[in-house]
Amino acid sequence: MDYEIERSLRGLAEKIGDEIAVRLVERFRQGELPVAPEYLTAFQVAQLTGFTPKGLENMRAKRIGPPFMKVGNSVRYRVADVRAWMDAGGDA
């Protein structure tokens, strides 16, 4: 890639990133964005890990996969546990 084009693209990406950050901070201050959750649903973990919700369900039945807990009838995963599991290799 031409050096000038690459430099221009990097500058544009930086400006866009800065603008997004400013807008997110403003929306957070206005209460429009929730704080990052400490617990995730199976659907959220599936998006994060690349497994399907059914795959996570199968792992829970076999007592493998990321640690989870039941909250009433719902399954929840601690963000820290999912990250640690992924850092350790995330094997099913």
Protein backbone atom coordinates (compact mmCIF):
# COMPACT_ATOMS: atom_id res chain seq x y z
CA MET A 1 0.00 0.00 0.00
CA ASP A 2 1.22 3.47 -0.79
CA TYR A 3 2.73 5.13 2.27
CA GLU A 4 0.67 8.33 1.90
CA ILE A 5 -2.59 6.40 1.62
CA GLU A 6 -1.71 4.29 4.64
CA ARG A 7 -0.82 7.38 6.65
CA SER A 8 -4.08 9.07 5.65
CA LEU A 9 -6.11 5.99 6.59
CA ARG A 10 -4.40 5.75 9.97
CA GLY A 11 -5.11 9.42 10.65
CA LEU A 12 -8.74 8.99 9.66
CA ALA A 13 -9.11 5.91 11.86
CA GLU A 14 -7.63 7.81 14.81
CA LYS A 15 -10.05 10.72 14.33
CA ILE A 16 -13.01 8.37 14.07
CA GLY A 17 -11.91 6.49 17.19
CA ASP A 18 -11.53 9.74 19.12
CA GLU A 19 -14.99 10.90 18.04
CA ILE A 20 -16.56 7.59 19.06
CA ALA A 21 -14.87 7.76 22.47
CA VAL A 22 -16.13 11.31 23.04
CA ARG A 23 -19.69 10.33 22.12
CA LEU A 24 -19.64 7.22 24.32
CA VAL A 25 -18.38 9.18 27.33
CA GLU A 26 -21.08 11.80 26.80
CA ARG A 27 -23.81 9.16 26.53
CA PHE A 28 -22.49 7.44 29.66
CA ARG A 29 -22.58 10.73 31.59
CA GLN A 30 -26.17 11.26 30.49
CA GLY A 31 -27.08 7.81 31.79
CA GLU A 32 -27.78 6.43 28.34
CA LEU A 33 -25.21 3.64 28.54
CA PRO A 34 -25.25 1.00 31.25
CA VAL A 35 -22.14 0.12 33.19
CA ALA A 36 -20.52 -3.06 31.90
CA PRO A 37 -22.22 -5.98 33.62
CA GLU A 38 -20.33 -8.24 36.01
CA TYR A 39 -22.48 -11.19 34.94
CA LEU A 40 -23.29 -12.35 31.41
CA THR A 41 -26.08 -14.43 29.94
CA ALA A 42 -25.34 -17.57 27.95
CA PHE A 43 -26.16 -15.65 24.77
CA GLN A 44 -23.59 -12.97 25.63
CA VAL A 45 -20.96 -15.59 26.46
CA ALA A 46 -21.72 -17.34 23.18
CA GLN A 47 -21.08 -14.09 21.30
CA LEU A 48 -17.86 -13.55 23.22
CA THR A 49 -16.47 -17.06 22.84
CA GLY A 50 -17.81 -18.17 19.46
CA PHE A 51 -19.69 -21.11 20.96
CA THR A 52 -23.44 -21.37 20.46
CA PRO A 53 -25.82 -21.09 23.42
CA LYS A 54 -26.65 -24.78 22.86
CA GLY A 55 -22.93 -25.61 22.91
CA LEU A 56 -22.61 -23.83 26.25
CA GLU A 57 -25.64 -25.73 27.52
CA ASN A 58 -23.99 -29.01 26.51
CA MET A 59 -20.77 -27.97 28.28
CA ARG A 60 -22.71 -27.16 31.45
CA ALA A 61 -24.34 -30.60 31.36
CA LYS A 62 -20.89 -32.20 31.11
CA ARG A 63 -19.46 -29.88 33.79
CA ILE A 64 -16.90 -28.42 31.39
CA GLY A 65 -16.51 -24.95 29.94
CA PRO A 66 -16.52 -21.66 31.79
CA PRO A 67 -17.80 -21.65 35.39
CA PHE A 68 -21.46 -20.66 35.67
CA MET A 69 -24.14 -20.12 38.28
CA LYS A 70 -27.89 -20.39 38.38
CA VAL A 71 -29.92 -17.35 39.35
CA GLY A 72 -33.46 -18.62 39.64
CA ASN A 73 -34.09 -20.34 36.32
CA SER A 74 -31.39 -18.33 34.53
CA VAL A 75 -27.76 -19.19 33.92
CA ARG A 76 -25.16 -16.48 34.47
CA TYR A 77 -21.41 -16.32 33.95
CA ARG A 78 -19.05 -13.96 35.77
CA VAL A 79 -17.07 -11.89 33.27
CA ALA A 80 -13.83 -12.56 35.18
CA ASP A 81 -14.46 -16.33 35.08
CA VAL A 82 -15.13 -16.31 31.33
CA ARG A 83 -11.99 -14.27 30.66
CA ALA A 84 -9.89 -16.57 32.85
CA TRP A 85 -11.32 -19.62 31.09
CA MET A 86 -10.57 -18.10 27.68
CA ASP A 87 -7.04 -17.11 28.76
CA ALA A 88 -6.47 -20.71 29.85
CA GLY A 89 -7.32 -21.95 26.38
CA GLY A 90 -11.10 -22.08 26.49
CA ASP A 91 -11.25 -25.75 25.62
CA ALA A 92 -14.63 -27.39 25.67
